Amino acid sequence: MATRTRRPRQADRQARSAQHLGDRRRAAEAQGPLTVLPVAVDQLRAVIYRLPESRRAEAAARATQLLDQLRQSIAES
């Protein structure tokens, strides 16, 4: 029986997803900082989604806390 030389489907899917997110990020950067923000949030959401389900809620809460702190810091400056 011949051995498989192809990567499993999941690895291929992750590679395509990473490429897509990288392409989106570069395209957004070319348009300016305000267009990069939604892409960065999408990337964060994707990373949280890939975590084991038991860690997602904690990671989402931590991300929300950090974004709230950043918003408050920007508002105060």
PDB file of N, CA and C in Angstrom:
ATOM      1  N   MET A   1       0.837  -1.175   0.000  1.00  0.00           N
ATOM      2  CA  MET A   1       0.000   0.000   0.000  1.00  0.00           C
ATOM      3  C   MET A   1       0.891   1.251   0.000  1.00  0.00           C
ATOM      4  N   ALA A   2       0.595   2.189  -0.860  1.00  0.00           N
ATOM      5  CA  ALA A   2       1.378   3.417  -0.978  1.00  0.00           C
ATOM      6  C   ALA A   2       1.081   4.348   0.198  1.00  0.00           C
ATOM      7  N   THR A   3       2.103   5.034   0.641  1.00  0.00           N
ATOM      8  CA  THR A   3       1.908   5.993   1.726  1.00  0.00           C
ATOM      9  C   THR A   3       1.396   7.296   1.145  1.00  0.00           C
ATOM     10  N   ARG A   4       0.637   7.984   1.930  1.00  0.00           N
ATOM     11  CA  ARG A   4       0.095   9.272   1.487  1.00  0.00           C
ATOM     12  C   ARG A   4       1.148  10.348   1.664  1.00  0.00           C
ATOM     13  N   THR A   5       1.304  11.154   0.661  1.00  0.00           N
ATOM     14  CA  THR A   5       2.257  12.267   0.734  1.00  0.00           C
ATOM     15  C   THR A   5       1.540  13.590   0.927  1.00  0.00           C
ATOM     16  N   ARG A   6       0.222  13.575   0.847  1.00  0.00           N
ATOM     17  CA  ARG A   6      -0.546  14.800   1.028  1.00  0.00           C
ATOM     18  C   ARG A   6      -0.784  15.053   2.509  1.00  0.00           C
ATOM     19  N   ARG A   7      -0.861  16.329   2.828  1.00  0.00           N
ATOM     20  CA  ARG A   7      -1.213  16.682   4.201  1.00  0.00           C
ATOM     21  C   ARG A   7      -2.681  16.378   4.427  1.00  0.00           C
ATOM     22  N   PRO A   8      -3.038  16.134   5.653  1.00  0.00           N
ATOM     23  CA  PRO A   8      -4.469  15.912   5.931  1.00  0.00           C
ATOM     24  C   PRO A   8      -5.302  17.133   5.543  1.00  0.00           C
ATOM     25  N   ARG A   9      -6.573  16.902   5.312  1.00  0.00           N
ATOM     26  CA  ARG A   9      -7.472  17.989   4.885  1.00  0.00           C
ATOM     27  C   ARG A   9      -7.496  19.149   5.859  1.00  0.00           C
ATOM     28  N   GLN A  10      -7.477  18.851   7.142  1.00  0.00           N
ATOM     29  CA  GLN A  10      -7.540  19.925   8.134  1.00  0.00           C
ATOM     30  C   GLN A  10      -6.342  20.856   8.012  1.00  0.00           C
ATOM     31  N   ALA A  11      -5.161  20.293   7.818  1.00  0.00           N
ATOM     32  CA  ALA A  11      -3.960  21.127   7.681  1.00  0.00           C
ATOM     33  C   ALA A  11      -4.058  21.993   6.427  1.00  0.00           C
ATOM     34  N   ASP A  12      -4.561  21.418   5.340  1.00  0.00           N
ATOM     35  CA  ASP A  12      -4.739  22.195   4.119  1.00  0.00           C
ATOM     36  C   ASP A  12      -5.729  23.327   4.331  1.00  0.00           C
ATOM     37  N   ARG A  13      -6.824  23.040   5.003  1.00  0.00           N
ATOM     38  CA  ARG A  13      -7.853  24.048   5.266  1.00  0.00           C
ATOM     39  C   ARG A  13      -7.280  25.172   6.141  1.00  0.00           C
ATOM     40  N   GLN A  14      -6.506  24.805   7.151  1.00  0.00           N
ATOM     41  CA  GLN A  14      -5.903  25.821   8.017  1.00  0.00           C
ATOM     42  C   GLN A  14      -4.913  26.681   7.246  1.00  0.00           C
ATOM     43  N   ALA A  15      -4.162  26.071   6.363  1.00  0.00           N
ATOM     44  CA  ALA A  15      -3.200  26.830   5.570  1.00  0.00           C
ATOM     45  C   ALA A  15      -3.919  27.814   4.646  1.00  0.00           C
ATOM     46  N   ARG A  16      -5.006  27.380   4.015  1.00  0.00           N
ATOM     47  CA  ARG A  16      -5.778  28.279   3.155  1.00  0.00           C
ATOM     48  C   ARG A  16      -6.390  29.418   3.961  1.00  0.00           C
ATOM     49  N   SER A  17      -6.880  29.092   5.152  1.00  0.00           N
ATOM     50  CA  SER A  17      -7.477  30.111   6.009  1.00  0.00           C
ATOM     51  C   SER A  17      -6.434  31.143   6.429  1.00  0.00           C
ATOM     52  N   ALA A  18      -5.257  30.667   6.815  1.00  0.00           N
ATOM     53  CA  ALA A  18      -4.185  31.578   7.224  1.00  0.00           C
ATOM     54  C   ALA A  18      -3.765  32.467   6.052  1.00  0.00           C
ATOM     55  N   GLN A  19      -3.689  31.883   4.867  1.00  0.00           N
ATOM     56  CA  GLN A  19      -3.331  32.656   3.675  1.00  0.00           C
ATOM     57  C   GLN A  19      -4.386  33.723   3.399  1.00  0.00           C
ATOM     58  N   HIS A  20      -5.648  33.340   3.498  1.00  0.00           N
ATOM     59  CA  HIS A  20      -6.751  34.272   3.263  1.00  0.00           C
ATOM     60  C   HIS A  20      -6.703  35.428   4.259  1.00  0.00           C
ATOM     61  N   LEU A  21      -6.520  35.096   5.547  1.00  0.00           N
ATOM     62  CA  LEU A  21      -6.465  36.151   6.556  1.00  0.00           C
ATOM     63  C   LEU A  21      -5.257  37.061   6.341  1.00  0.00           C
ATOM     64  N   GLY A  22      -4.137  36.490   5.945  1.00  0.00           N
ATOM     65  CA  GLY A  22      -2.954  37.301   5.649  1.00  0.00           C
ATOM     66  C   GLY A  22      -3.187  38.224   4.469  1.00  0.00           C
ATOM     67  N   ASP A  23      -3.826  37.687   3.425  1.00  0.00           N
ATOM     68  CA  ASP A  23      -4.149  38.509   2.255  1.00  0.00           C
ATOM     69  C   ASP A  23      -5.100  39.640   2.629  1.00  0.00           C
ATOM     70  N   ARG A  24      -6.111  39.324   3.440  1.00  0.00           N
ATOM     71  CA  ARG A  24      -7.066  40.357   3.879  1.00  0.00           C
ATOM     72  C   ARG A  24      -6.348  41.431   4.681  1.00  0.00           C
ATOM     73  N   ARG A  25      -5.445  41.006   5.549  1.00  0.00           N
ATOM     74  CA  ARG A  25      -4.726  41.961   6.404  1.00  0.00           C
ATOM     75  C   ARG A  25      -3.865  42.900   5.556  1.00  0.00           C
ATOM     76  N   ARG A  26      -3.139  42.337   4.591  1.00  0.00           N
ATOM     77  CA  ARG A  26      -2.294  43.174   3.723  1.00  0.00           C
ATOM     78  C   ARG A  26      -3.138  44.146   2.887  1.00  0.00           C
ATOM     79  N   ALA A  27      -4.252  43.672   2.383  1.00  0.00           N
ATOM     80  CA  ALA A  27      -5.134  44.546   1.601  1.00  0.00           C
ATOM     81  C   ALA A  27      -5.692  45.665   2.465  1.00  0.00           C
ATOM     82  N   ALA A  28      -6.065  45.342   3.694  1.00  0.00           N
ATOM     83  CA  ALA A  28      -6.588  46.351   4.609  1.00  0.00           C
ATOM     84  C   ALA A  28      -5.509  47.367   4.974  1.00  0.00           C
ATOM     85  N   GLU A  29      -4.281  46.890   5.194  1.00  0.00           N
ATOM     86  CA  GLU A  29      -3.187  47.797   5.544  1.00  0.00           C
ATOM     87  C   GLU A  29      -2.930  48.797   4.431  1.00  0.00           C
ATOM     88  N   ALA A  30      -3.124  48.367   3.210  1.00  0.00           N
ATOM     89  CA  ALA A  30      -2.932  49.272   2.076  1.00  0.00           C
ATOM     90  C   ALA A  30      -3.989  50.372   2.064  1.00  0.00           C
ATOM     91  N   GLN A  31      -5.148  50.117   2.664  1.00  0.00           N
ATOM     92  CA  GLN A  31      -6.230  51.101   2.683  1.00  0.00           C
ATOM     93  C   GLN A  31      -6.183  52.024   3.890  1.00  0.00           C
ATOM     94  N   GLY A  32      -5.497  51.611   4.947  1.00  0.00           N
ATOM     95  CA  GLY A  32      -5.370  52.481   6.108  1.00  0.00           C
ATOM     96  C   GLY A  32      -5.748  51.792   7.400  1.00  0.00           C
ATOM     97  N   PRO A  33      -5.387  52.413   8.532  1.00  0.00           N
ATOM     98  CA  PRO A  33      -5.563  51.785   9.843  1.00  0.00           C
ATOM     99  C   PRO A  33      -7.012  51.463  10.204  1.00  0.00           C
ATOM    100  N   LEU A  34      -7.956  52.275   9.771  1.00  0.00           N
ATOM    101  CA  LEU A  34      -9.346  52.011  10.137  1.00  0.00           C
ATOM    102  C   LEU A  34      -9.907  50.771   9.441  1.00  0.00           C
ATOM    103  N   THR A  35      -9.319  50.391   8.336  1.00  0.00           N
ATOM    104  CA  THR A  35      -9.770  49.171   7.670  1.00  0.00           C
ATOM    105  C   THR A  35      -9.063  47.937   8.219  1.00  0.00           C
ATOM    106  N   VAL A  36      -7.954  48.126   8.908  1.00  0.00           N
ATOM    107  CA  VAL A  36      -7.216  47.002   9.485  1.00  0.00           C
ATOM    108  C   VAL A  36      -7.915  46.487  10.742  1.00  0.00           C
ATOM    109  N   LEU A  37      -8.521  47.366  11.490  1.00  0.00           N
ATOM    110  CA  LEU A  37      -9.142  46.979  12.759  1.00  0.00           C
ATOM    111  C   LEU A  37     -10.155  45.843  12.620  1.00  0.00           C
ATOM    112  N   PRO A  38     -11.128  45.911  11.714  1.00  0.00           N
ATOM    113  CA  PRO A  38     -12.078  44.793  11.603  1.00  0.00           C
ATOM    114  C   PRO A  38     -11.408  43.477  11.218  1.00  0.00           C
ATOM    115  N   VAL A  39     -10.365  43.555  10.403  1.00  0.00           N
ATOM    116  CA  VAL A  39      -9.647  42.341  10.013  1.00  0.00           C
ATOM    117  C   VAL A  39      -8.922  41.760  11.222  1.00  0.00           C
ATOM    118  N   ALA A  40      -8.303  42.618  12.026  1.00  0.00           N
ATOM    119  CA  ALA A  40      -7.613  42.150  13.224  1.00  0.00           C
ATOM    120  C   ALA A  40      -8.591  41.496  14.197  1.00  0.00           C
ATOM    121  N   VAL A  41      -9.772  42.066  14.333  1.00  0.00           N
ATOM    122  CA  VAL A  41     -10.786  41.480  15.215  1.00  0.00           C
ATOM    123  C   VAL A  41     -11.242  40.132  14.662  1.00  0.00           C
ATOM    124  N   ASP A  42     -11.406  40.033  13.345  1.00  0.00           N
ATOM    125  CA  ASP A  42     -11.760  38.747  12.728  1.00  0.00           C
ATOM    126  C   ASP A  42     -10.686  37.698  12.986  1.00  0.00           C
ATOM    127  N   GLN A  43      -9.423  38.108  12.906  1.00  0.00           N
ATOM    128  CA  GLN A  43      -8.322  37.178  13.168  1.00  0.00           C
ATOM    129  C   GLN A  43      -8.347  36.722  14.624  1.00  0.00           C
ATOM    130  N   LEU A  44      -8.603  37.634  15.534  1.00  0.00           N
ATOM    131  CA  LEU A  44      -8.709  37.279  16.946  1.00  0.00           C
ATOM    132  C   LEU A  44      -9.850  36.296  17.169  1.00  0.00           C
ATOM    133  N   ARG A  45     -10.987  36.585  16.555  1.00  0.00           N
ATOM    134  CA  ARG A  45     -12.144  35.697  16.667  1.00  0.00           C
ATOM    135  C   ARG A  45     -11.826  34.306  16.128  1.00  0.00           C
ATOM    136  N   ALA A  46     -11.101  34.231  15.034  1.00  0.00           N
ATOM    137  CA  ALA A  46     -10.740  32.940  14.447  1.00  0.00           C
ATOM    138  C   ALA A  46      -9.812  32.151  15.366  1.00  0.00           C
ATOM    139  N   VAL A  47      -8.867  32.844  15.994  1.00  0.00           N
ATOM    140  CA  VAL A  47      -7.953  32.169  16.927  1.00  0.00           C
ATOM    141  C   VAL A  47      -8.730  31.633  18.121  1.00  0.00           C
ATOM    142  N   ILE A  48      -9.637  32.426  18.652  1.00  0.00           N
ATOM    143  CA  ILE A  48     -10.444  31.985  19.796  1.00  0.00           C
ATOM    144  C   ILE A  48     -11.295  30.790  19.404  1.00  0.00           C
ATOM    145  N   TYR A  49     -11.857  30.814  18.212  1.00  0.00           N
ATOM    146  CA  TYR A  49     -12.711  29.724  17.755  1.00  0.00           C
ATOM    147  C   TYR A  49     -11.936  28.410  17.628  1.00  0.00           C
ATOM    148  N   ARG A  50     -10.649  28.504  17.280  1.00  0.00           N
ATOM    149  CA  ARG A  50      -9.839  27.297  17.121  1.00  0.00           C
ATOM    150  C   ARG A  50      -9.372  26.700  18.448  1.00  0.00           C
ATOM    151  N   LEU A  51      -9.553  27.429  19.529  1.00  0.00           N
ATOM    152  CA  LEU A  51      -9.182  26.894  20.844  1.00  0.00           C
ATOM    153  C   LEU A  51     -10.115  25.742  21.220  1.00  0.00           C
ATOM    154  N   PRO A  52      -9.664  24.893  22.122  1.00  0.00           N
ATOM    155  CA  PRO A  52     -10.583  23.879  22.638  1.00  0.00           C
ATOM    156  C   PRO A  52     -11.792  24.576  23.267  1.00  0.00           C
ATOM    157  N   GLU A  53     -12.942  23.973  23.122  1.00  0.00           N
ATOM    158  CA  GLU A  53     -14.182  24.604  23.580  1.00  0.00           C
ATOM    159  C   GLU A  53     -14.111  25.022  25.048  1.00  0.00           C
ATOM    160  N   SER A  54     -13.403  24.265  25.843  1.00  0.00           N
ATOM    161  CA  SER A  54     -13.304  24.565  27.277  1.00  0.00           C
ATOM    162  C   SER A  54     -12.540  25.861  27.556  1.00  0.00           C
ATOM    163  N   ARG A  55     -11.759  26.346  26.601  1.00  0.00           N
ATOM    164  CA  ARG A  55     -10.968  27.568  26.801  1.00  0.00           C
ATOM    165  C   ARG A  55     -11.539  28.786  26.077  1.00  0.00           C
ATOM    166  N   ARG A  56     -12.527  28.581  25.216  1.00  0.00           N
ATOM    167  CA  ARG A  56     -13.046  29.688  24.395  1.00  0.00           C
ATOM    168  C   ARG A  56     -13.670  30.809  25.207  1.00  0.00           C
ATOM    169  N   ALA A  57     -14.524  30.475  26.161  1.00  0.00           N
ATOM    170  CA  ALA A  57     -15.216  31.518  26.931  1.00  0.00           C
ATOM    171  C   ALA A  57     -14.216  32.380  27.693  1.00  0.00           C
ATOM    172  N   GLU A  58     -13.224  31.754  28.297  1.00  0.00           N
ATOM    173  CA  GLU A  58     -12.208  32.508  29.043  1.00  0.00           C
ATOM    174  C   GLU A  58     -11.407  33.412  28.102  1.00  0.00           C
ATOM    175  N   ALA A  59     -11.033  32.892  26.946  1.00  0.00           N
ATOM    176  CA  ALA A  59     -10.266  33.688  25.984  1.00  0.00           C
ATOM    177  C   ALA A  59     -11.104  34.854  25.457  1.00  0.00           C
ATOM    178  N   ALA A  60     -12.370  34.607  25.180  1.00  0.00           N
ATOM    179  CA  ALA A  60     -13.251  35.678  24.695  1.00  0.00           C
ATOM    180  C   ALA A  60     -13.441  36.749  25.764  1.00  0.00           C
ATOM    181  N   ALA A  61     -13.596  36.333  27.007  1.00  0.00           N
ATOM    182  CA  ALA A  61     -13.751  37.300  28.099  1.00  0.00           C
ATOM    183  C   ALA A  61     -12.479  38.133  28.265  1.00  0.00           C
ATOM    184  N   ARG A  62     -11.332  37.493  28.154  1.00  0.00           N
ATOM    185  CA  ARG A  62     -10.055  38.201  28.287  1.00  0.00           C
ATOM    186  C   ARG A  62      -9.875  39.194  27.131  1.00  0.00           C
ATOM    187  N   ALA A  63     -10.209  38.773  25.920  1.00  0.00           N
ATOM    188  CA  ALA A  63     -10.097  39.661  24.765  1.00  0.00           C
ATOM    189  C   ALA A  63     -11.023  40.860  24.924  1.00  0.00           C
ATOM    190  N   THR A  64     -12.232  40.619  25.386  1.00  0.00           N
ATOM    191  CA  THR A  64     -13.192  41.699  25.607  1.00  0.00           C
ATOM    192  C   THR A  64     -12.673  42.669  26.664  1.00  0.00           C
ATOM    193  N   GLN A  65     -12.117  42.127  27.738  1.00  0.00           N
ATOM    194  CA  GLN A  65     -11.567  42.965  28.802  1.00  0.00           C
ATOM    195  C   GLN A  65     -10.438  43.847  28.261  1.00  0.00           C
ATOM    196  N   LEU A  66      -9.542  43.257  27.483  1.00  0.00           N
ATOM    197  CA  LEU A  66      -8.430  44.029  26.925  1.00  0.00           C
ATOM    198  C   LEU A  66      -8.923  45.108  25.962  1.00  0.00           C
ATOM    199  N   LEU A  67      -9.900  44.781  25.141  1.00  0.00           N
ATOM    200  CA  LEU A  67     -10.449  45.780  24.216  1.00  0.00           C
ATOM    201  C   LEU A  67     -11.148  46.903  24.976  1.00  0.00           C
ATOM    202  N   ASP A  68     -11.855  46.561  26.042  1.00  0.00           N
ATOM    203  CA  ASP A  68     -12.502  47.599  26.858  1.00  0.00           C
ATOM    204  C   ASP A  68     -11.465  48.507  27.509  1.00  0.00           C
ATOM    205  N   GLN A  69     -10.374  47.923  28.006  1.00  0.00           N
ATOM    206  CA  GLN A  69      -9.310  48.720  28.608  1.00  0.00           C
ATOM    207  C   GLN A  69      -8.669  49.633  27.571  1.00  0.00           C
ATOM    208  N   LEU A  70      -8.456  49.104  26.384  1.00  0.00           N
ATOM    209  CA  LEU A  70      -7.874  49.919  25.317  1.00  0.00           C
ATOM    210  C   LEU A  70      -8.813  51.055  24.929  1.00  0.00           C
ATOM    211  N   ARG A  71     -10.096  50.764  24.800  1.00  0.00           N
ATOM    212  CA  ARG A  71     -11.086  51.796  24.463  1.00  0.00           C
ATOM    213  C   ARG A  71     -11.079  52.901  25.508  1.00  0.00           C
ATOM    214  N   GLN A  72     -11.065  52.503  26.787  1.00  0.00           N
ATOM    215  CA  GLN A  72     -11.062  53.482  27.860  1.00  0.00           C
ATOM    216  C   GLN A  72      -9.780  54.320  27.846  1.00  0.00           C
ATOM    217  N   SER A  73      -8.662  53.672  27.613  1.00  0.00           N
ATOM    218  CA  SER A  73      -7.390  54.383  27.553  1.00  0.00           C
ATOM    219  C   SER A  73      -7.372  55.409  26.425  1.00  0.00           C
ATOM    220  N   ILE A  74      -7.895  55.012  25.275  1.00  0.00           N
ATOM    221  CA  ILE A  74      -7.942  55.929  24.129  1.00  0.00           C
ATOM    222  C   ILE A  74      -8.900  57.087  24.422  1.00  0.00           C
ATOM    223  N   ALA A  75     -10.019  56.790  25.034  1.00  0.00           N
ATOM    224  CA  ALA A  75     -11.003  57.840  25.345  1.00  0.00           C
ATOM    225  C   ALA A  75     -10.447  58.851  26.332  1.00  0.00           C
ATOM    226  N   GLU A  76      -9.595  58.413  27.232  1.00  0.00           N
ATOM    227  CA  GLU A  76      -9.035  59.304  28.251  1.00  0.00           C
ATOM    228  C   GLU A  76      -7.871  60.137  27.747  1.00  0.00           C
ATOM    229  N   SER A  77      -7.299  59.739  26.633  1.00  0.00           N
ATOM    230  CA  SER A  77      -6.118  60.490  26.143  1.00  0.00           C
ATOM    231  C   SER A  77      -6.480  61.582  25.178  1.00  0.00           C
TER     232      SER A  77
END
